[in-house]
Amino acid sequence: MTSRAVLAHNLKFLRARKGLSQEALADAAEIDRTYVSALERKKYSASIDRLDRLAAQLDVPTHFLLMPEMPIGDAES
């Protein structure tokens, strides 16, 4: 699985787990909703700064967004 695919999967999973829409996550992270959508569709890669902002809103460490096998039970650490 590529890094883009891992990010797309984890971002969508964590967003859904928190019950956030793409728009709500984007607003909270101060990025455009279409950018979140493009990340989830593997169309864009993200900068470290944007990963940090997304992870903060998802209440996970930034590196969780790029882990191929994210430790689900620890996702709220």
PDB file of N, CA and C in Angstrom:
ATOM      1  N   MET A   1       0.854  -1.172   0.000  1.00  0.00           N
ATOM      2  CA  MET A   1       0.000   0.000   0.000  1.00  0.00           C
ATOM      3  C   MET A   1       0.903   1.239   0.000  1.00  0.00           C
ATOM      4  N   THR A   2       0.579   2.204  -0.826  1.00  0.00           N
ATOM      5  CA  THR A   2       1.359   3.430  -0.894  1.00  0.00           C
ATOM      6  C   THR A   2       1.068   4.328   0.307  1.00  0.00           C
ATOM      7  N   SER A   3       1.944   5.282   0.533  1.00  0.00           N
ATOM      8  CA  SER A   3       1.739   6.230   1.637  1.00  0.00           C
ATOM      9  C   SER A   3       0.454   7.025   1.452  1.00  0.00           C
ATOM     10  N   ARG A   4       0.156   7.393   0.220  1.00  0.00           N
ATOM     11  CA  ARG A   4      -1.095   8.117  -0.037  1.00  0.00           C
ATOM     12  C   ARG A   4      -2.304   7.267   0.314  1.00  0.00           C
ATOM     13  N   ALA A   5      -2.229   5.985  -0.021  1.00  0.00           N
ATOM     14  CA  ALA A   5      -3.345   5.083   0.279  1.00  0.00           C
ATOM     15  C   ALA A   5      -3.501   4.894   1.787  1.00  0.00           C
ATOM     16  N   VAL A   6      -2.384   4.776   2.491  1.00  0.00           N
ATOM     17  CA  VAL A   6      -2.425   4.633   3.954  1.00  0.00           C
ATOM     18  C   VAL A   6      -3.027   5.884   4.568  1.00  0.00           C
ATOM     19  N   LEU A   7      -2.565   7.055   4.149  1.00  0.00           N
ATOM     20  CA  LEU A   7      -3.107   8.309   4.666  1.00  0.00           C
ATOM     21  C   LEU A   7      -4.599   8.404   4.378  1.00  0.00           C
ATOM     22  N   ALA A   8      -5.001   8.098   3.160  1.00  0.00           N
ATOM     23  CA  ALA A   8      -6.413   8.176   2.788  1.00  0.00           C
ATOM     24  C   ALA A   8      -7.266   7.274   3.676  1.00  0.00           C
ATOM     25  N   HIS A   9      -6.828   6.054   3.858  1.00  0.00           N
ATOM     26  CA  HIS A   9      -7.571   5.099   4.683  1.00  0.00           C
ATOM     27  C   HIS A   9      -7.665   5.565   6.133  1.00  0.00           C
ATOM     28  N   ASN A  10      -6.524   5.932   6.717  1.00  0.00           N
ATOM     29  CA  ASN A  10      -6.505   6.330   8.129  1.00  0.00           C
ATOM     30  C   ASN A  10      -7.273   7.622   8.371  1.00  0.00           C
ATOM     31  N   LEU A  11      -7.131   8.567   7.474  1.00  0.00           N
ATOM     32  CA  LEU A  11      -7.839   9.838   7.621  1.00  0.00           C
ATOM     33  C   LEU A  11      -9.349   9.610   7.600  1.00  0.00           C
ATOM     34  N   LYS A  12      -9.809   8.838   6.636  1.00  0.00           N
ATOM     35  CA  LYS A  12     -11.244   8.572   6.527  1.00  0.00           C
ATOM     36  C   LYS A  12     -11.743   7.784   7.740  1.00  0.00           C
ATOM     37  N   PHE A  13     -10.983   6.774   8.147  1.00  0.00           N
ATOM     38  CA  PHE A  13     -11.372   5.962   9.303  1.00  0.00           C
ATOM     39  C   PHE A  13     -11.469   6.810  10.572  1.00  0.00           C
ATOM     40  N   LEU A  14     -10.433   7.592  10.845  1.00  0.00           N
ATOM     41  CA  LEU A  14     -10.410   8.397  12.071  1.00  0.00           C
ATOM     42  C   LEU A  14     -11.463   9.492  12.053  1.00  0.00           C
ATOM     43  N   ARG A  15     -11.679  10.075  10.890  1.00  0.00           N
ATOM     44  CA  ARG A  15     -12.711  11.111  10.760  1.00  0.00           C
ATOM     45  C   ARG A  15     -14.090  10.515  11.052  1.00  0.00           C
ATOM     46  N   ALA A  16     -14.366   9.364  10.459  1.00  0.00           N
ATOM     47  CA  ALA A  16     -15.657   8.706  10.679  1.00  0.00           C
ATOM     48  C   ALA A  16     -15.806   8.277  12.136  1.00  0.00           C
ATOM     49  N   ARG A  17     -14.710   7.797  12.721  1.00  0.00           N
ATOM     50  CA  ARG A  17     -14.739   7.361  14.120  1.00  0.00           C
ATOM     51  C   ARG A  17     -15.126   8.501  15.058  1.00  0.00           C
ATOM     52  N   LYS A  18     -14.700   9.714  14.719  1.00  0.00           N
ATOM     53  CA  LYS A  18     -15.060  10.883  15.539  1.00  0.00           C
ATOM     54  C   LYS A  18     -16.411  11.469  15.135  1.00  0.00           C
ATOM     55  N   GLY A  19     -17.019  10.913  14.091  1.00  0.00           N
ATOM     56  CA  GLY A  19     -18.318  11.399  13.647  1.00  0.00           C
ATOM     57  C   GLY A  19     -18.255  12.748  12.959  1.00  0.00           C
ATOM     58  N   LEU A  20     -17.115  13.037  12.321  1.00  0.00           N
ATOM     59  CA  LEU A  20     -16.930  14.322  11.649  1.00  0.00           C
ATOM     60  C   LEU A  20     -17.163  14.197  10.148  1.00  0.00           C
ATOM     61  N   SER A  21     -17.782  15.179   9.587  1.00  0.00           N
ATOM     62  CA  SER A  21     -17.865  15.263   8.134  1.00  0.00           C
ATOM     63  C   SER A  21     -16.532  15.809   7.623  1.00  0.00           C
ATOM     64  N   GLN A  22     -16.324  15.691   6.327  1.00  0.00           N
ATOM     65  CA  GLN A  22     -15.115  16.286   5.746  1.00  0.00           C
ATOM     66  C   GLN A  22     -15.097  17.787   6.003  1.00  0.00           C
ATOM     67  N   GLU A  23     -16.252  18.405   5.879  1.00  0.00           N
ATOM     68  CA  GLU A  23     -16.338  19.852   6.087  1.00  0.00           C
ATOM     69  C   GLU A  23     -16.015  20.237   7.524  1.00  0.00           C
ATOM     70  N   ALA A  24     -16.538  19.485   8.492  1.00  0.00           N
ATOM     71  CA  ALA A  24     -16.278  19.796   9.902  1.00  0.00           C
ATOM     72  C   ALA A  24     -14.795  19.640  10.226  1.00  0.00           C
ATOM     73  N   LEU A  25     -14.181  18.568   9.722  1.00  0.00           N
ATOM     74  CA  LEU A  25     -12.754  18.371   9.957  1.00  0.00           C
ATOM     75  C   LEU A  25     -11.943  19.479   9.298  1.00  0.00           C
ATOM     76  N   ALA A  26     -12.280  19.795   8.072  1.00  0.00           N
ATOM     77  CA  ALA A  26     -11.554  20.843   7.348  1.00  0.00           C
ATOM     78  C   ALA A  26     -11.670  22.188   8.059  1.00  0.00           C
ATOM     79  N   ASP A  27     -12.879  22.536   8.498  1.00  0.00           N
ATOM     80  CA  ASP A  27     -13.072  23.808   9.211  1.00  0.00           C
ATOM     81  C   ASP A  27     -12.229  23.853  10.483  1.00  0.00           C
ATOM     82  N   ALA A  28     -12.255  22.765  11.245  1.00  0.00           N
ATOM     83  CA  ALA A  28     -11.508  22.721  12.497  1.00  0.00           C
ATOM     84  C   ALA A  28     -10.002  22.795  12.259  1.00  0.00           C
ATOM     85  N   ALA A  29      -9.538  22.186  11.169  1.00  0.00           N
ATOM     86  CA  ALA A  29      -8.104  22.179  10.849  1.00  0.00           C
ATOM     87  C   ALA A  29      -7.691  23.391  10.015  1.00  0.00           C
ATOM     88  N   GLU A  30      -8.663  24.240   9.703  1.00  0.00           N
ATOM     89  CA  GLU A  30      -8.428  25.454   8.914  1.00  0.00           C
ATOM     90  C   GLU A  30      -7.834  25.150   7.544  1.00  0.00           C
ATOM     91  N   ILE A  31      -8.438  24.154   6.879  1.00  0.00           N
ATOM     92  CA  ILE A  31      -8.090  23.842   5.499  1.00  0.00           C
ATOM     93  C   ILE A  31      -9.385  23.683   4.709  1.00  0.00           C
ATOM     94  N   ASP A  32      -9.290  23.636   3.411  1.00  0.00           N
ATOM     95  CA  ASP A  32     -10.466  23.542   2.561  1.00  0.00           C
ATOM     96  C   ASP A  32     -11.041  22.122   2.558  1.00  0.00           C
ATOM     97  N   ARG A  33     -12.363  22.007   2.531  1.00  0.00           N
ATOM     98  CA  ARG A  33     -13.014  20.706   2.505  1.00  0.00           C
ATOM     99  C   ARG A  33     -12.595  19.892   1.290  1.00  0.00           C
ATOM    100  N   THR A  34     -12.408  20.557   0.153  1.00  0.00           N
ATOM    101  CA  THR A  34     -12.022  19.823  -1.054  1.00  0.00           C
ATOM    102  C   THR A  34     -10.633  19.217  -0.909  1.00  0.00           C
ATOM    103  N   TYR A  35      -9.799  19.810  -0.063  1.00  0.00           N
ATOM    104  CA  TYR A  35      -8.467  19.267   0.196  1.00  0.00           C
ATOM    105  C   TYR A  35      -8.584  17.967   0.990  1.00  0.00           C
ATOM    106  N   VAL A  36      -9.438  17.954   2.003  1.00  0.00           N
ATOM    107  CA  VAL A  36      -9.674  16.730   2.778  1.00  0.00           C
ATOM    108  C   VAL A  36     -10.212  15.644   1.851  1.00  0.00           C
ATOM    109  N   SER A  37     -11.154  15.995   1.013  1.00  0.00           N
ATOM    110  CA  SER A  37     -11.716  15.046   0.061  1.00  0.00           C
ATOM    111  C   SER A  37     -10.634  14.478  -0.857  1.00  0.00           C
ATOM    112  N   ALA A  38      -9.777  15.342  -1.361  1.00  0.00           N
ATOM    113  CA  ALA A  38      -8.706  14.901  -2.265  1.00  0.00           C
ATOM    114  C   ALA A  38      -7.715  13.995  -1.542  1.00  0.00           C
ATOM    115  N   LEU A  39      -7.428  14.276  -0.274  1.00  0.00           N
ATOM    116  CA  LEU A  39      -6.552  13.389   0.501  1.00  0.00           C
ATOM    117  C   LEU A  39      -7.186  12.017   0.644  1.00  0.00           C
ATOM    118  N   GLU A  40      -8.467  11.983   0.950  1.00  0.00           N
ATOM    119  CA  GLU A  40      -9.164  10.713   1.138  1.00  0.00           C
ATOM    120  C   GLU A  40      -9.319   9.936  -0.172  1.00  0.00           C
ATOM    121  N   ARG A  41      -9.242  10.630  -1.297  1.00  0.00           N
ATOM    122  CA  ARG A  41      -9.332   9.967  -2.599  1.00  0.00           C
ATOM    123  C   ARG A  41      -7.953   9.697  -3.214  1.00  0.00           C
ATOM    124  N   LYS A  42      -6.902   9.957  -2.421  1.00  0.00           N
ATOM    125  CA  LYS A  42      -5.513   9.715  -2.850  1.00  0.00           C
ATOM    126  C   LYS A  42      -5.088  10.612  -4.006  1.00  0.00           C
ATOM    127  N   LYS A  43      -5.693  11.772  -4.135  1.00  0.00           N
ATOM    128  CA  LYS A  43      -5.352  12.705  -5.209  1.00  0.00           C
ATOM    129  C   LYS A  43      -4.229  13.661  -4.822  1.00  0.00           C
ATOM    130  N   TYR A  44      -4.120  13.970  -3.530  1.00  0.00           N
ATOM    131  CA  TYR A  44      -3.096  14.890  -3.035  1.00  0.00           C
ATOM    132  C   TYR A  44      -2.244  14.201  -1.982  1.00  0.00           C
ATOM    133  N   SER A  45      -1.047  14.718  -1.820  1.00  0.00           N
ATOM    134  CA  SER A  45      -0.243  14.373  -0.649  1.00  0.00           C
ATOM    135  C   SER A  45      -0.315  15.582   0.274  1.00  0.00           C
ATOM    136  N   ALA A  46       0.025  15.395   1.535  1.00  0.00           N
ATOM    137  CA  ALA A  46      -0.131  16.478   2.499  1.00  0.00           C
ATOM    138  C   ALA A  46       1.212  16.911   3.061  1.00  0.00           C
ATOM    139  N   SER A  47       1.312  18.176   3.387  1.00  0.00           N
ATOM    140  CA  SER A  47       2.511  18.670   4.056  1.00  0.00           C
ATOM    141  C   SER A  47       2.482  18.229   5.511  1.00  0.00           C
ATOM    142  N   ILE A  48       3.617  18.255   6.157  1.00  0.00           N
ATOM    143  CA  ILE A  48       3.706  17.915   7.570  1.00  0.00           C
ATOM    144  C   ILE A  48       2.827  18.852   8.398  1.00  0.00           C
ATOM    145  N   ASP A  49       2.830  20.121   8.061  1.00  0.00           N
ATOM    146  CA  ASP A  49       2.016  21.086   8.804  1.00  0.00           C
ATOM    147  C   ASP A  49       0.529  20.739   8.721  1.00  0.00           C
ATOM    148  N   ARG A  50       0.080  20.355   7.555  1.00  0.00           N
ATOM    149  CA  ARG A  50      -1.339  19.993   7.413  1.00  0.00           C
ATOM    150  C   ARG A  50      -1.637  18.679   8.113  1.00  0.00           C
ATOM    151  N   LEU A  51      -0.715  17.739   8.052  1.00  0.00           N
ATOM    152  CA  LEU A  51      -0.904  16.488   8.799  1.00  0.00           C
ATOM    153  C   LEU A  51      -1.018  16.772  10.291  1.00  0.00           C
ATOM    154  N   ASP A  52      -0.173  17.669  10.781  1.00  0.00           N
ATOM    155  CA  ASP A  52      -0.229  18.044  12.201  1.00  0.00           C
ATOM    156  C   ASP A  52      -1.598  18.624  12.555  1.00  0.00           C
ATOM    157  N   ARG A  53      -2.117  19.502  11.711  1.00  0.00           N
ATOM    158  CA  ARG A  53      -3.412  20.131  11.998  1.00  0.00           C
ATOM    159  C   ARG A  53      -4.552  19.119  11.950  1.00  0.00           C
ATOM    160  N   LEU A  54      -4.506  18.217  10.974  1.00  0.00           N
ATOM    161  CA  LEU A  54      -5.540  17.189  10.882  1.00  0.00           C
ATOM    162  C   LEU A  54      -5.479  16.251  12.087  1.00  0.00           C
ATOM    163  N   ALA A  55      -4.282  15.804  12.424  1.00  0.00           N
ATOM    164  CA  ALA A  55      -4.119  14.883  13.557  1.00  0.00           C
ATOM    165  C   ALA A  55      -4.601  15.530  14.854  1.00  0.00           C
ATOM    166  N   ALA A  56      -4.304  16.795  15.036  1.00  0.00           N
ATOM    167  CA  ALA A  56      -4.744  17.491  16.254  1.00  0.00           C
ATOM    168  C   ALA A  56      -6.268  17.471  16.360  1.00  0.00           C
ATOM    169  N   GLN A  57      -6.950  17.673  15.252  1.00  0.00           N
ATOM    170  CA  GLN A  57      -8.416  17.674  15.274  1.00  0.00           C
ATOM    171  C   GLN A  57      -8.988  16.273  15.450  1.00  0.00           C
ATOM    172  N   LEU A  58      -8.214  15.269  15.067  1.00  0.00           N
ATOM    173  CA  LEU A  58      -8.649  13.874  15.224  1.00  0.00           C
ATOM    174  C   LEU A  58      -8.198  13.278  16.554  1.00  0.00           C
ATOM    175  N   ASP A  59      -7.463  14.059  17.340  1.00  0.00           N
ATOM    176  CA  ASP A  59      -6.979  13.631  18.658  1.00  0.00           C
ATOM    177  C   ASP A  59      -6.083  12.401  18.589  1.00  0.00           C
ATOM    178  N   VAL A  60      -5.199  12.386  17.599  1.00  0.00           N
ATOM    179  CA  VAL A  60      -4.225  11.296  17.475  1.00  0.00           C
ATOM    180  C   VAL A  60      -2.846  11.901  17.201  1.00  0.00           C
ATOM    181  N   PRO A  61      -1.786  11.160  17.515  1.00  0.00           N
ATOM    182  CA  PRO A  61      -0.455  11.627  17.126  1.00  0.00           C
ATOM    183  C   PRO A  61      -0.362  11.668  15.596  1.00  0.00           C
ATOM    184  N   THR A  62       0.373  12.607  15.070  1.00  0.00           N
ATOM    185  CA  THR A  62       0.488  12.767  13.621  1.00  0.00           C
ATOM    186  C   THR A  62       0.923  11.477  12.933  1.00  0.00           C
ATOM    187  N   HIS A  63       1.836  10.748  13.541  1.00  0.00           N
ATOM    188  CA  HIS A  63       2.343   9.545  12.866  1.00  0.00           C
ATOM    189  C   HIS A  63       1.270   8.474  12.674  1.00  0.00           C
ATOM    190  N   PHE A  64       0.171   8.531  13.423  1.00  0.00           N
ATOM    191  CA  PHE A  64      -0.916   7.568  13.222  1.00  0.00           C
ATOM    192  C   PHE A  64      -1.501   7.690  11.818  1.00  0.00           C
ATOM    193  N   LEU A  65      -1.479   8.883  11.253  1.00  0.00           N
ATOM    194  CA  LEU A  65      -2.040   9.075   9.917  1.00  0.00           C
ATOM    195  C   LEU A  65      -1.262   8.325   8.848  1.00  0.00           C
ATOM    196  N   LEU A  66      -0.012   7.975   9.137  1.00  0.00           N
ATOM    197  CA  LEU A  66       0.840   7.318   8.142  1.00  0.00           C
ATOM    198  C   LEU A  66       1.204   5.884   8.502  1.00  0.00           C
ATOM    199  N   MET A  67       0.578   5.346   9.537  1.00  0.00           N
ATOM    200  CA  MET A  67       0.891   3.978   9.963  1.00  0.00           C
ATOM    201  C   MET A  67       0.062   2.973   9.172  1.00  0.00           C
ATOM    202  N   PRO A  68       0.722   2.052   8.452  1.00  0.00           N
ATOM    203  CA  PRO A  68      -0.024   1.057   7.679  1.00  0.00           C
ATOM    204  C   PRO A  68      -0.958   0.210   8.539  1.00  0.00           C
ATOM    205  N   GLU A  69      -0.536  -0.104   9.744  1.00  0.00           N
ATOM    206  CA  GLU A  69      -1.394  -0.860  10.650  1.00  0.00           C
ATOM    207  C   GLU A  69      -1.521  -0.080  11.949  1.00  0.00           C
ATOM    208  N   MET A  70      -2.390   0.917  11.884  1.00  0.00           N
ATOM    209  CA  MET A  70      -2.593   1.806  13.018  1.00  0.00           C
ATOM    210  C   MET A  70      -3.119   1.002  14.221  1.00  0.00           C
ATOM    211  N   PRO A  71      -2.541   1.212  15.395  1.00  0.00           N
ATOM    212  CA  PRO A  71      -3.042   0.529  16.584  1.00  0.00           C
ATOM    213  C   PRO A  71      -4.373   1.131  17.021  1.00  0.00           C
ATOM    214  N   ILE A  72      -5.454   0.557  16.539  1.00  0.00           N
ATOM    215  CA  ILE A  72      -6.792   1.111  16.719  1.00  0.00           C
ATOM    216  C   ILE A  72      -7.120   1.393  18.174  1.00  0.00           C
ATOM    217  N   GLY A  73      -6.789   0.470  19.074  1.00  0.00           N
ATOM    218  CA  GLY A  73      -7.088   0.676  20.485  1.00  0.00           C
ATOM    219  C   GLY A  73      -6.372   1.872  21.074  1.00  0.00           C
ATOM    220  N   ASP A  74      -5.253   2.277  20.469  1.00  0.00           N
ATOM    221  CA  ASP A  74      -4.463   3.395  20.957  1.00  0.00           C
ATOM    222  C   ASP A  74      -4.747   4.693  20.211  1.00  0.00           C
ATOM    223  N   ALA A  75      -5.701   4.685  19.329  1.00  0.00           N
ATOM    224  CA  ALA A  75      -5.951   5.859  18.465  1.00  0.00           C
ATOM    225  C   ALA A  75      -6.337   7.089  19.251  1.00  0.00           C
ATOM    226  N   GLU A  76      -6.700   6.949  20.494  1.00  0.00           N
ATOM    227  CA  GLU A  76      -7.088   8.126  21.271  1.00  0.00           C
ATOM    228  C   GLU A  76      -5.997   8.542  22.237  1.00  0.00           C
ATOM    229  N   SER A  77      -4.793   7.974  22.104  1.00  0.00           N
ATOM    230  CA  SER A  77      -3.679   8.318  22.987  1.00  0.00           C
ATOM    231  C   SER A  77      -3.077   9.640  22.588  1.00  0.00           C
TER     232      SER A  77
END
